[in-house]
Every structure is written in structure tokens, then in C-alpha cells.
PDB file of N, CA and C in Angstrom:
ATOM      1  N   MET A   1     -25.176 180.184  71.609  1.00  0.00           N
ATOM      2  CA  MET A   1     -25.209 179.873  70.194  1.00  0.00           C
ATOM      3  C   MET A   1     -26.666 179.789  69.757  1.00  0.00           C
ATOM      4  N   SER A   2     -27.024 180.529  68.722  1.00  0.00           N
ATOM      5  CA  SER A   2     -28.409 180.525  68.271  1.00  0.00           C
ATOM      6  C   SER A   2     -28.715 179.284  67.453  1.00  0.00           C
ATOM      7  N   LYS A   3     -29.991 179.026  67.284  1.00  0.00           N
ATOM      8  CA  LYS A   3     -30.419 177.836  66.551  1.00  0.00           C
ATOM      9  C   LYS A   3     -29.925 177.875  65.105  1.00  0.00           C
ATOM     10  N   GLU A   4     -29.832 179.063  64.528  1.00  0.00           N
ATOM     11  CA  GLU A   4     -29.411 179.205  63.139  1.00  0.00           C
ATOM     12  C   GLU A   4     -27.935 178.885  62.950  1.00  0.00           C
ATOM     13  N   THR A   5     -27.108 179.116  63.977  1.00  0.00           N
ATOM     14  CA  THR A   5     -25.666 178.893  63.820  1.00  0.00           C
ATOM     15  C   THR A   5     -25.222 177.505  64.267  1.00  0.00           C
ATOM     16  N   ARG A   6     -26.125 176.727  64.818  1.00  0.00           N
ATOM     17  CA  ARG A   6     -25.767 175.361  65.225  1.00  0.00           C
ATOM     18  C   ARG A   6     -25.631 174.485  63.988  1.00  0.00           C
ATOM     19  N   ARG A   7     -24.652 173.617  64.011  1.00  0.00           N
ATOM     20  CA  ARG A   7     -24.425 172.686  62.903  1.00  0.00           C
ATOM     21  C   ARG A   7     -24.497 171.270  63.464  1.00  0.00           C
ATOM     22  N   TYR A   8     -25.704 170.732  63.509  1.00  0.00           N
ATOM     23  CA  TYR A   8     -25.871 169.390  64.036  1.00  0.00           C
ATOM     24  C   TYR A   8     -25.307 168.367  63.066  1.00  0.00           C
ATOM     25  N   MET A   9     -24.630 167.395  63.625  1.00  0.00           N
ATOM     26  CA  MET A   9     -24.035 166.329  62.844  1.00  0.00           C
ATOM     27  C   MET A   9     -24.297 165.011  63.557  1.00  0.00           C
ATOM     28  N   ARG A  10     -24.038 163.924  62.885  1.00  0.00           N
ATOM     29  CA  ARG A  10     -24.110 162.601  63.482  1.00  0.00           C
ATOM     30  C   ARG A  10     -22.718 161.993  63.426  1.00  0.00           C
ATOM     31  N   LEU A  11     -22.328 161.408  64.518  1.00  0.00           N
ATOM     32  CA  LEU A  11     -21.082 160.661  64.574  1.00  0.00           C
ATOM     33  C   LEU A  11     -21.465 159.189  64.588  1.00  0.00           C
ATOM     34  N   MET A  12     -21.049 158.477  63.556  1.00  0.00           N
ATOM     35  CA  MET A  12     -21.383 157.071  63.406  1.00  0.00           C
ATOM     36  C   MET A  12     -20.151 156.238  63.754  1.00  0.00           C
ATOM     37  N   VAL A  13     -20.351 155.168  64.518  1.00  0.00           N
ATOM     38  CA  VAL A  13     -19.270 154.264  64.895  1.00  0.00           C
ATOM     39  C   VAL A  13     -19.629 152.873  64.390  1.00  0.00           C
ATOM     40  N   PHE A  14     -18.712 152.301  63.618  1.00  0.00           N
ATOM     41  CA  PHE A  14     -18.865 150.952  63.071  1.00  0.00           C
ATOM     42  C   PHE A  14     -17.772 150.096  63.685  1.00  0.00           C
ATOM     43  N   PHE A  15     -18.119 148.927  64.187  1.00  0.00           N
ATOM     44  CA  PHE A  15     -17.064 148.095  64.758  1.00  0.00           C
ATOM     45  C   PHE A  15     -17.312 146.623  64.505  1.00  0.00           C
ATOM     46  N   ASP A  16     -16.206 145.905  64.455  1.00  0.00           N
ATOM     47  CA  ASP A  16     -16.213 144.456  64.293  1.00  0.00           C
ATOM     48  C   ASP A  16     -15.172 143.932  65.266  1.00  0.00           C
ATOM     49  N   LEU A  17     -15.632 143.369  66.365  1.00  0.00           N
ATOM     50  CA  LEU A  17     -14.728 142.909  67.412  1.00  0.00           C
ATOM     51  C   LEU A  17     -14.818 141.396  67.558  1.00  0.00           C
ATOM     52  N   PRO A  18     -13.689 140.755  67.848  1.00  0.00           N
ATOM     53  CA  PRO A  18     -13.730 139.305  68.043  1.00  0.00           C
ATOM     54  C   PRO A  18     -14.465 138.940  69.331  1.00  0.00           C
ATOM     55  N   VAL A  19     -15.192 137.838  69.295  1.00  0.00           N
ATOM     56  CA  VAL A  19     -15.922 137.364  70.473  1.00  0.00           C
ATOM     57  C   VAL A  19     -15.715 135.866  70.665  1.00  0.00           C
ATOM     58  N   THR A  20     -14.542 135.377  70.303  1.00  0.00           N
ATOM     59  CA  THR A  20     -14.280 133.936  70.351  1.00  0.00           C
ATOM     60  C   THR A  20     -13.899 133.452  71.743  1.00  0.00           C
ATOM     61  N   THR A  21     -13.313 134.318  72.561  1.00  0.00           N
ATOM     62  CA  THR A  21     -12.926 133.916  73.911  1.00  0.00           C
ATOM     63  C   THR A  21     -13.715 134.711  74.933  1.00  0.00           C
ATOM     64  N   ARG A  22     -13.655 134.263  76.169  1.00  0.00           N
ATOM     65  CA  ARG A  22     -14.353 134.961  77.250  1.00  0.00           C
ATOM     66  C   ARG A  22     -13.825 136.407  77.393  1.00  0.00           C
ATOM     67  N   GLU A  23     -12.519 136.588  77.299  1.00  0.00           N
ATOM     68  CA  GLU A  23     -11.924 137.932  77.409  1.00  0.00           C
ATOM     69  C   GLU A  23     -12.356 138.828  76.243  1.00  0.00           C
ATOM     70  N   ASN A  24     -12.445 138.255  75.026  1.00  0.00           N
ATOM     71  CA  ASN A  24     -12.928 139.021  73.867  1.00  0.00           C
ATOM     72  C   ASN A  24     -14.366 139.483  74.068  1.00  0.00           C
ATOM     73  N   ARG A  25     -15.206 138.610  74.586  1.00  0.00           N
ATOM     74  CA  ARG A  25     -16.608 138.976  74.835  1.00  0.00           C
ATOM     75  C   ARG A  25     -16.713 140.064  75.887  1.00  0.00           C
ATOM     76  N   ARG A  26     -15.856 139.984  76.902  1.00  0.00           N
ATOM     77  CA  ARG A  26     -15.842 141.022  77.942  1.00  0.00           C
ATOM     78  C   ARG A  26     -15.423 142.370  77.351  1.00  0.00           C
ATOM     79  N   THR A  27     -14.410 142.363  76.506  1.00  0.00           N
ATOM     80  CA  THR A  27     -13.953 143.594  75.854  1.00  0.00           C
ATOM     81  C   THR A  27     -15.056 144.182  74.981  1.00  0.00           C
ATOM     82  N   TYR A  28     -15.745 143.315  74.229  1.00  0.00           N
ATOM     83  CA  TYR A  28     -16.863 143.756  73.388  1.00  0.00           C
ATOM     84  C   TYR A  28     -17.943 144.413  74.245  1.00  0.00           C
ATOM     85  N   THR A  29     -18.291 143.763  75.349  1.00  0.00           N
ATOM     86  CA  THR A  29     -19.338 144.279  76.232  1.00  0.00           C
ATOM     87  C   THR A  29     -18.945 145.615  76.832  1.00  0.00           C
ATOM     88  N   LEU A  30     -17.712 145.758  77.258  1.00  0.00           N
ATOM     89  CA  LEU A  30     -17.253 147.029  77.829  1.00  0.00           C
ATOM     90  C   LEU A  30     -17.291 148.150  76.798  1.00  0.00           C
ATOM     91  N   PHE A  31     -16.882 147.865  75.572  1.00  0.00           N
ATOM     92  CA  PHE A  31     -16.910 148.893  74.528  1.00  0.00           C
ATOM     93  C   PHE A  31     -18.344 149.289  74.198  1.00  0.00           C
ATOM     94  N   ARG A  32     -19.219 148.303  74.092  1.00  0.00           N
ATOM     95  CA  ARG A  32     -20.631 148.586  73.808  1.00  0.00           C
ATOM     96  C   ARG A  32     -21.269 149.411  74.933  1.00  0.00           C
ATOM     97  N   ARG A  33     -20.965 149.064  76.174  1.00  0.00           N
ATOM     98  CA  ARG A  33     -21.491 149.837  77.311  1.00  0.00           C
ATOM     99  C   ARG A  33     -20.966 151.268  77.299  1.00  0.00           C
ATOM    100  N   PHE A  34     -19.682 151.432  76.941  1.00  0.00           N
ATOM    101  CA  PHE A  34     -19.133 152.781  76.832  1.00  0.00           C
ATOM    102  C   PHE A  34     -19.927 153.597  75.817  1.00  0.00           C
ATOM    103  N   LEU A  35     -20.201 153.012  74.654  1.00  0.00           N
ATOM    104  CA  LEU A  35     -20.953 153.732  73.626  1.00  0.00           C
ATOM    105  C   LEU A  35     -22.334 154.141  74.132  1.00  0.00           C
ATOM    106  N   LEU A  36     -23.022 153.230  74.778  1.00  0.00           N
ATOM    107  CA  LEU A  36     -24.360 153.539  75.287  1.00  0.00           C
ATOM    108  C   LEU A  36     -24.317 154.615  76.367  1.00  0.00           C
ATOM    109  N   GLN A  37     -23.348 154.535  77.263  1.00  0.00           N
ATOM    110  CA  GLN A  37     -23.228 155.528  78.329  1.00  0.00           C
ATOM    111  C   GLN A  37     -22.787 156.890  77.797  1.00  0.00           C
ATOM    112  N   ASP A  38     -22.118 156.908  76.647  1.00  0.00           N
ATOM    113  CA  ASP A  38     -21.663 158.163  76.056  1.00  0.00           C
ATOM    114  C   ASP A  38     -22.727 158.779  75.144  1.00  0.00           C
ATOM    115  N   GLY A  39     -23.910 158.193  75.094  1.00  0.00           N
ATOM    116  CA  GLY A  39     -25.015 158.803  74.371  1.00  0.00           C
ATOM    117  C   GLY A  39     -25.264 158.267  72.973  1.00  0.00           C
ATOM    118  N   TYR A  40     -24.626 157.180  72.615  1.00  0.00           N
ATOM    119  CA  TYR A  40     -24.844 156.585  71.305  1.00  0.00           C
ATOM    120  C   TYR A  40     -26.095 155.711  71.336  1.00  0.00           C
ATOM    121  N   ASP A  41     -26.780 155.657  70.204  1.00  0.00           N
ATOM    122  CA  ASP A  41     -27.924 154.767  70.014  1.00  0.00           C
ATOM    123  C   ASP A  41     -27.539 153.705  69.003  1.00  0.00           C
ATOM    124  N   MET A  42     -28.008 152.488  69.233  1.00  0.00           N
ATOM    125  CA  MET A  42     -27.733 151.421  68.286  1.00  0.00           C
ATOM    126  C   MET A  42     -28.617 151.596  67.061  1.00  0.00           C
ATOM    127  N   ILE A  43     -28.007 151.693  65.904  1.00  0.00           N
ATOM    128  CA  ILE A  43     -28.752 151.809  64.652  1.00  0.00           C
ATOM    129  C   ILE A  43     -29.014 150.413  64.101  1.00  0.00           C
ATOM    130  N   GLN A  44     -27.997 149.589  64.134  1.00  0.00           N
ATOM    131  CA  GLN A  44     -28.132 148.165  63.841  1.00  0.00           C
ATOM    132  C   GLN A  44     -26.922 147.487  64.459  1.00  0.00           C
ATOM    133  N   TRP A  45     -26.823 146.149  64.344  1.00  0.00           N
ATOM    134  CA  TRP A  45     -25.737 145.436  64.996  1.00  0.00           C
ATOM    135  C   TRP A  45     -24.387 146.066  64.643  1.00  0.00           C
ATOM    136  N   SER A  46     -23.635 146.420  65.654  1.00  0.00           N
ATOM    137  CA  SER A  46     -22.282 146.964  65.521  1.00  0.00           C
ATOM    138  C   SER A  46     -22.225 148.296  64.786  1.00  0.00           C
ATOM    139  N   VAL A  47     -23.337 149.013  64.721  1.00  0.00           N
ATOM    140  CA  VAL A  47     -23.379 150.360  64.152  1.00  0.00           C
ATOM    141  C   VAL A  47     -24.114 151.245  65.151  1.00  0.00           C
ATOM    142  N   TYR A  48     -23.407 152.224  65.681  1.00  0.00           N
ATOM    143  CA  TYR A  48     -23.969 153.128  66.677  1.00  0.00           C
ATOM    144  C   TYR A  48     -23.801 154.554  66.196  1.00  0.00           C
ATOM    145  N   GLY A  49     -24.700 155.427  66.598  1.00  0.00           N
ATOM    146  CA  GLY A  49     -24.624 156.825  66.195  1.00  0.00           C
ATOM    147  C   GLY A  49     -25.103 157.737  67.299  1.00  0.00           C
ATOM    148  N   ARG A  50     -24.609 158.968  67.255  1.00  0.00           N
ATOM    149  CA  ARG A  50     -25.061 159.972  68.210  1.00  0.00           C
ATOM    150  C   ARG A  50     -25.090 161.338  67.553  1.00  0.00           C
ATOM    151  N   LEU A  51     -25.946 162.179  68.065  1.00  0.00           N
ATOM    152  CA  LEU A  51     -26.072 163.546  67.602  1.00  0.00           C
ATOM    153  C   LEU A  51     -25.020 164.392  68.285  1.00  0.00           C
ATOM    154  N   VAL A  52     -24.302 165.201  67.514  1.00  0.00           N
ATOM    155  CA  VAL A  52     -23.292 166.105  68.075  1.00  0.00           C
ATOM    156  C   VAL A  52     -23.550 167.510  67.546  1.00  0.00           C
ATOM    157  N   ASN A  53     -23.039 168.497  68.260  1.00  0.00           N
ATOM    158  CA  ASN A  53     -23.278 169.888  67.920  1.00  0.00           C
ATOM    159  C   ASN A  53     -21.992 170.509  67.390  1.00  0.00           C
ATOM    160  N   GLY A  54     -21.691 170.271  66.131  1.00  0.00           N
ATOM    161  CA  GLY A  54     -20.561 170.903  65.490  1.00  0.00           C
ATOM    162  C   GLY A  54     -19.281 170.094  65.528  1.00  0.00           C
ATOM    163  N   VAL A  55     -18.274 170.639  64.836  1.00  0.00           N
ATOM    164  CA  VAL A  55     -16.996 169.951  64.672  1.00  0.00           C
ATOM    165  C   VAL A  55     -16.252 169.826  65.997  1.00  0.00           C
ATOM    166  N   ASP A  56     -16.338 170.821  66.861  1.00  0.00           N
ATOM    167  CA  ASP A  56     -15.667 170.737  68.161  1.00  0.00           C
ATOM    168  C   ASP A  56     -16.205 169.566  68.985  1.00  0.00           C
ATOM    169  N   ASP A  57     -17.503 169.370  68.946  1.00  0.00           N
ATOM    170  CA  ASP A  57     -18.119 168.257  69.662  1.00  0.00           C
ATOM    171  C   ASP A  57     -17.701 166.920  69.052  1.00  0.00           C
ATOM    172  N   VAL A  58     -17.558 166.885  67.726  1.00  0.00           N
ATOM    173  CA  VAL A  58     -17.086 165.668  67.058  1.00  0.00           C
ATOM    174  C   VAL A  58     -15.694 165.317  67.575  1.00  0.00           C
ATOM    175  N   GLU A  59     -14.810 166.303  67.616  1.00  0.00           N
ATOM    176  CA  GLU A  59     -13.436 166.053  68.078  1.00  0.00           C
ATOM    177  C   GLU A  59     -13.418 165.557  69.526  1.00  0.00           C
ATOM    178  N   LYS A  60     -14.262 166.136  70.367  1.00  0.00           N
ATOM    179  CA  LYS A  60     -14.338 165.698  71.763  1.00  0.00           C
ATOM    180  C   LYS A  60     -14.736 164.226  71.854  1.00  0.00           C
ATOM    181  N   HIS A  61     -15.725 163.824  71.077  1.00  0.00           N
ATOM    182  CA  HIS A  61     -16.201 162.437  71.146  1.00  0.00           C
ATOM    183  C   HIS A  61     -15.236 161.469  70.459  1.00  0.00           C
ATOM    184  N   VAL A  62     -14.504 161.909  69.453  1.00  0.00           N
ATOM    185  CA  VAL A  62     -13.493 161.051  68.839  1.00  0.00           C
ATOM    186  C   VAL A  62     -12.361 160.798  69.840  1.00  0.00           C
ATOM    187  N   LYS A  63     -12.002 161.810  70.624  1.00  0.00           N
ATOM    188  CA  LYS A  63     -10.987 161.616  71.674  1.00  0.00           C
ATOM    189  C   LYS A  63     -11.476 160.597  72.711  1.00  0.00           C
ATOM    190  N   ARG A  64     -12.761 160.679  73.075  1.00  0.00           N
ATOM    191  CA  ARG A  64     -13.322 159.708  74.017  1.00  0.00           C
ATOM    192  C   ARG A  64     -13.286 158.300  73.425  1.00  0.00           C
ATOM    193  N   LEU A  65     -13.609 158.193  72.140  1.00  0.00           N
ATOM    194  CA  LEU A  65     -13.546 156.885  71.477  1.00  0.00           C
ATOM    195  C   LEU A  65     -12.123 156.337  71.513  1.00  0.00           C
ATOM    196  N   ASN A  66     -11.146 157.181  71.170  1.00  0.00           N
ATOM    197  CA  ASN A  66      -9.747 156.745  71.178  1.00  0.00           C
ATOM    198  C   ASN A  66      -9.304 156.285  72.558  1.00  0.00           C
ATOM    199  N   ALA A  67      -9.817 156.909  73.590  1.00  0.00           N
ATOM    200  CA  ALA A  67      -9.440 156.534  74.952  1.00  0.00           C
ATOM    201  C   ALA A  67     -10.069 155.211  75.388  1.00  0.00           C
ATOM    202  N   ASN A  68     -11.114 154.770  74.694  1.00  0.00           N
ATOM    203  CA  ASN A  68     -11.829 153.554  75.085  1.00  0.00           C
ATOM    204  C   ASN A  68     -11.796 152.465  74.025  1.00  0.00           C
ATOM    205  N   LEU A  69     -10.843 152.537  73.106  1.00  0.00           N
ATOM    206  CA  LEU A  69     -10.766 151.539  72.043  1.00  0.00           C
ATOM    207  C   LEU A  69     -10.354 150.176  72.581  1.00  0.00           C
ATOM    208  N   PRO A  70     -10.944 149.121  72.051  1.00  0.00           N
ATOM    209  CA  PRO A  70     -10.508 147.771  72.425  1.00  0.00           C
ATOM    210  C   PRO A  70      -9.158 147.468  71.769  1.00  0.00           C
ATOM    211  N   PRO A  71      -8.382 146.535  72.338  1.00  0.00           N
ATOM    212  CA  PRO A  71      -7.049 146.248  71.802  1.00  0.00           C
ATOM    213  C   PRO A  71      -7.066 145.501  70.465  1.00  0.00           C
ATOM    214  N   GLU A  72      -8.151 144.793  70.155  1.00  0.00           N
ATOM    215  CA  GLU A  72      -8.241 144.023  68.911  1.00  0.00           C
ATOM    216  C   GLU A  72      -9.509 144.391  68.163  1.00  0.00           C
ATOM    217  N   GLY A  73      -9.546 144.021  66.889  1.00  0.00           N
ATOM    218  CA  GLY A  73     -10.740 144.241  66.094  1.00  0.00           C
ATOM    219  C   GLY A  73     -10.613 145.458  65.206  1.00  0.00           C
ATOM    220  N   SER A  74     -11.744 145.907  64.701  1.00  0.00           N
ATOM    221  CA  SER A  74     -11.793 147.049  63.795  1.00  0.00           C
ATOM    222  C   SER A  74     -12.875 148.009  64.277  1.00  0.00           C
ATOM    223  N   VAL A  75     -12.498 149.275  64.465  1.00  0.00           N
ATOM    224  CA  VAL A  75     -13.445 150.317  64.877  1.00  0.00           C
ATOM    225  C   VAL A  75     -13.248 151.506  63.941  1.00  0.00           C
ATOM    226  N   ARG A  76     -14.327 151.971  63.358  1.00  0.00           N
ATOM    227  CA  ARG A  76     -14.278 153.119  62.450  1.00  0.00           C
ATOM    228  C   ARG A  76     -15.335 154.133  62.874  1.00  0.00           C
ATOM    229  N   CYS A  77     -15.073 155.405  62.572  1.00  0.00           N
ATOM    230  CA  CYS A  77     -16.099 156.419  62.826  1.00  0.00           C
ATOM    231  C   CYS A  77     -16.237 157.309  61.598  1.00  0.00           C
ATOM    232  N   LEU A  78     -17.417 157.841  61.437  1.00  0.00           N
ATOM    233  CA  LEU A  78     -17.746 158.671  60.282  1.00  0.00           C
ATOM    234  C   LEU A  78     -18.644 159.799  60.767  1.00  0.00           C
ATOM    235  N   GLN A  79     -18.329 161.022  60.353  1.00  0.00           N
ATOM    236  CA  GLN A  79     -19.216 162.132  60.693  1.00  0.00           C
ATOM    237  C   GLN A  79     -19.995 162.536  59.450  1.00  0.00           C
ATOM    238  N   VAL A  80     -21.294 162.716  59.643  1.00  0.00           N
ATOM    239  CA  VAL A  80     -22.171 163.155  58.562  1.00  0.00           C
ATOM    240  C   VAL A  80     -23.051 164.271  59.102  1.00  0.00           C
ATOM    241  N   THR A  81     -23.501 165.137  58.212  1.00  0.00           N
ATOM    242  CA  THR A  81     -24.402 166.203  58.650  1.00  0.00           C
ATOM    243  C   THR A  81     -25.766 165.599  58.959  1.00  0.00           C
ATOM    244  N   GLU A  82     -26.546 166.325  59.703  1.00  0.00           N
ATOM    245  CA  GLU A  82     -27.888 165.850  60.048  1.00  0.00           C
ATOM    246  C   GLU A  82     -28.731 165.685  58.786  1.00  0.00           C
ATOM    247  N   LYS A  83     -28.549 166.570  57.819  1.00  0.00           N
ATOM    248  CA  LYS A  83     -29.292 166.468  56.568  1.00  0.00           C
ATOM    249  C   LYS A  83     -28.919 165.187  55.823  1.00  0.00           C
ATOM    250  N   GLN A  84     -27.623 164.864  55.776  1.00  0.00           N
ATOM    251  CA  GLN A  84     -27.199 163.621  55.134  1.00  0.00           C
ATOM    252  C   GLN A  84     -27.769 162.413  55.869  1.00  0.00           C
ATOM    253  N   PHE A  85     -27.765 162.463  57.193  1.00  0.00           N
ATOM    254  CA  PHE A  85     -28.279 161.340  57.985  1.00  0.00           C
ATOM    255  C   PHE A  85     -29.766 161.113  57.729  1.00  0.00           C
ATOM    256  N   THR A  86     -30.544 162.196  57.650  1.00  0.00           N
ATOM    257  CA  THR A  86     -31.984 162.044  57.441  1.00  0.00           C
ATOM    258  C   THR A  86     -32.305 161.557  56.036  1.00  0.00           C
ATOM    259  N   GLN A  87     -31.362 161.692  55.108  1.00  0.00           N
ATOM    260  CA  GLN A  87     -31.582 161.206  53.744  1.00  0.00           C
ATOM    261  C   GLN A  87     -31.190 159.739  53.573  1.00  0.00           C
ATOM    262  N   MET A  88     -30.745 159.097  54.651  1.00  0.00           N
ATOM    263  CA  MET A  88     -30.400 157.677  54.592  1.00  0.00           C
ATOM    264  C   MET A  88     -31.665 156.882  54.266  1.00  0.00           C
ATOM    265  N   ARG A  89     -31.532 155.941  53.357  1.00  0.00           N
ATOM    266  CA  ARG A  89     -32.681 155.128  52.954  1.00  0.00           C
ATOM    267  C   ARG A  89     -32.656 153.793  53.681  1.00  0.00           C
ATOM    268  N   LEU A  90     -33.788 153.420  54.199  1.00  0.00           N
ATOM    269  CA  LEU A  90     -33.961 152.126  54.837  1.00  0.00           C
ATOM    270  C   LEU A  90     -34.529 151.189  53.782  1.00  0.00           C
ATOM    271  N   LEU A  91     -33.734 150.214  53.364  1.00  0.00           N
ATOM    272  CA  LEU A  91     -34.140 149.351  52.263  1.00  0.00           C
ATOM    273  C   LEU A  91     -34.944 148.144  52.720  1.00  0.00           C
ATOM    274  N   VAL A  92     -34.585 147.552  53.867  1.00  0.00           N
ATOM    275  CA  VAL A  92     -35.303 146.408  54.409  1.00  0.00           C
ATOM    276  C   VAL A  92     -35.406 146.586  55.908  1.00  0.00           C
ATOM    277  N   GLY A  93     -36.543 146.261  56.499  1.00  0.00           N
ATOM    278  CA  GLY A  93     -36.707 146.369  57.941  1.00  0.00           C
ATOM    279  C   GLY A  93     -37.524 147.586  58.325  1.00  0.00           C
ATOM    280  N   THR A  94     -37.505 147.906  59.611  1.00  0.00           N
ATOM    281  CA  THR A  94     -38.252 149.055  60.126  1.00  0.00           C
ATOM    282  C   THR A  94     -37.313 149.940  60.934  1.00  0.00           C
ATOM    283  N   ARG A  95     -37.675 151.189  61.057  1.00  0.00           N
ATOM    284  CA  ARG A  95     -36.871 152.130  61.837  1.00  0.00           C
ATOM    285  C   ARG A  95     -36.997 151.809  63.322  1.00  0.00           C
ATOM    286  N   ALA A  96     -35.903 152.033  64.054  1.00  0.00           N
ATOM    287  CA  ALA A  96     -35.914 151.846  65.500  1.00  0.00           C
ATOM    288  C   ALA A  96     -36.772 152.939  66.135  1.00  0.00           C
ATOM    289  N   PHE A  97     -37.214 152.697  67.358  1.00  0.00           N
ATOM    290  CA  PHE A  97     -38.063 153.651  68.066  1.00  0.00           C
ATOM    291  C   PHE A  97     -37.406 155.032  68.145  1.00  0.00           C
ATOM    292  N   GLN A  98     -36.087 155.079  68.470  1.00  0.00           N
ATOM    293  CA  GLN A  98     -35.390 156.360  68.587  1.00  0.00           C
ATOM    294  C   GLN A  98     -35.355 157.102  67.258  1.00  0.00           C
ATOM    295  N   GLU A  99     -35.212 156.393  66.158  1.00  0.00           N
ATOM    296  CA  GLU A  99     -35.164 157.030  64.847  1.00  0.00           C
ATOM    297  C   GLU A  99     -36.508 157.649  64.475  1.00  0.00           C
ATOM    298  N   LYS A 100     -37.593 157.038  64.918  1.00  0.00           N
ATOM    299  CA  LYS A 100     -38.914 157.563  64.609  1.00  0.00           C
ATOM    300  C   LYS A 100     -39.243 158.797  65.437  1.00  0.00           C
ATOM    301  N   LYS A 101     -38.796 158.828  66.687  1.00  0.00           N
ATOM    302  CA  LYS A 101     -39.280 159.832  67.632  1.00  0.00           C
ATOM    303  C   LYS A 101     -38.339 161.012  67.856  1.00  0.00           C
ATOM    304  N   VAL A 102     -37.039 160.864  67.632  1.00  0.00           N
ATOM    305  CA  VAL A 102     -36.094 161.916  68.002  1.00  0.00           C
ATOM    306  C   VAL A 102     -35.322 162.389  66.782  1.00  0.00           C
ATOM    307  N   ASN A 103     -35.347 163.709  66.561  1.00  0.00           N
ATOM    308  CA  ASN A 103     -34.495 164.303  65.537  1.00  0.00           C
ATOM    309  C   ASN A 103     -33.781 165.508  66.149  1.00  0.00           C
ATOM    310  N   ALA A 104     -32.998 166.223  65.379  1.00  0.00           N
ATOM    311  CA  ALA A 104     -32.185 167.307  65.912  1.00  0.00           C
ATOM    312  C   ALA A 104     -33.032 168.416  66.526  1.00  0.00           C
ATOM    313  N   ASP A 105     -34.177 168.737  65.937  1.00  0.00           N
ATOM    314  CA  ASP A 105     -35.021 169.802  66.477  1.00  0.00           C
ATOM    315  C   ASP A 105     -35.563 169.436  67.859  1.00  0.00           C
ATOM    316  N   GLN A 106     -35.888 168.176  68.069  1.00  0.00           N
ATOM    317  CA  GLN A 106     -36.405 167.756  69.356  1.00  0.00           C
ATOM    318  C   GLN A 106     -35.335 167.684  70.424  1.00  0.00           C
ATOM    319  N   MET A 107     -34.079 167.551  70.025  1.00  0.00           N
ATOM    320  CA  MET A 107     -32.985 167.499  71.007  1.00  0.00           C
ATOM    321  C   MET A 107     -32.849 168.831  71.743  1.00  0.00           C
ATOM    322  N   LEU A 108     -33.333 169.908  71.173  1.00  0.00           N
ATOM    323  CA  LEU A 108     -33.250 171.208  71.816  1.00  0.00           C
ATOM    324  C   LEU A 108     -34.078 171.273  73.088  1.00  0.00           C
ATOM    325  N   LEU A 109     -35.075 170.398  73.211  1.00  0.00           N
ATOM    326  CA  LEU A 109     -35.938 170.409  74.387  1.00  0.00           C
ATOM    327  C   LEU A 109     -35.245 169.899  75.625  1.00  0.00           C
ATOM    328  N   PHE A 110     -34.202 169.088  75.454  1.00  0.00           N
ATOM    329  CA  PHE A 110     -33.542 168.463  76.593  1.00  0.00           C
ATOM    330  C   PHE A 110     -32.648 169.414  77.253  1.00  0.00           C
TER     331      PHE A 110
END
């Protein structure tokens, strides 16, 4: 696939999981570890995102998410194009290290 035909997108995962009991905290930790091991970066608390290469890749990662969902809480995902993601405005705070250093063009080096 040539660089011109690639359609980079971001898959964003938003979640709100209960952490009131020891078992809830364990479930939260396992889900968070799954996201990190699957290539997601933390954008802010309970918001994770990863770069994907097209709609087929989005579907693959949504299936992985469905296979690792916690039994309680709320988990949502949203796909946006790379152009839409780069137009996100940061109103308060600073960008994370990964946001400053890595974009879709640099992912081609890996």
C-alpha cells in the first residue's frame, strides 16, 4: 500500500469504570494494561488513543476491545481521521510527550 492510499485514523477509547472494591480496581488495572499493551497511549485520565491504518484496522482493534471489555462500567470508542485528530484544541494544560513527538508521518519509520 503506497503512502498516498493509506488512510490513517485514530481510535479513541473513553471509559469510566468503578473502583470501589478490590475486584473493581483489579478489573480496571487489567483493562488499562490491555490498552497499553495493544498500542494505545494515554491522552488524559480514562481517555486512550492509538493510530490505525484504515477501516479494516479499526474493525480489528474494535474486536480486540470487545474481547477484553470489563463486566461493569462504561466503555466507548470513537474513530476520527488523523486530520481531525490534529485539529483537536488543547484548552488547558500541556501536550503529552507522545503527542509532541509522534505523528502519522513518523509512524512510517517503525
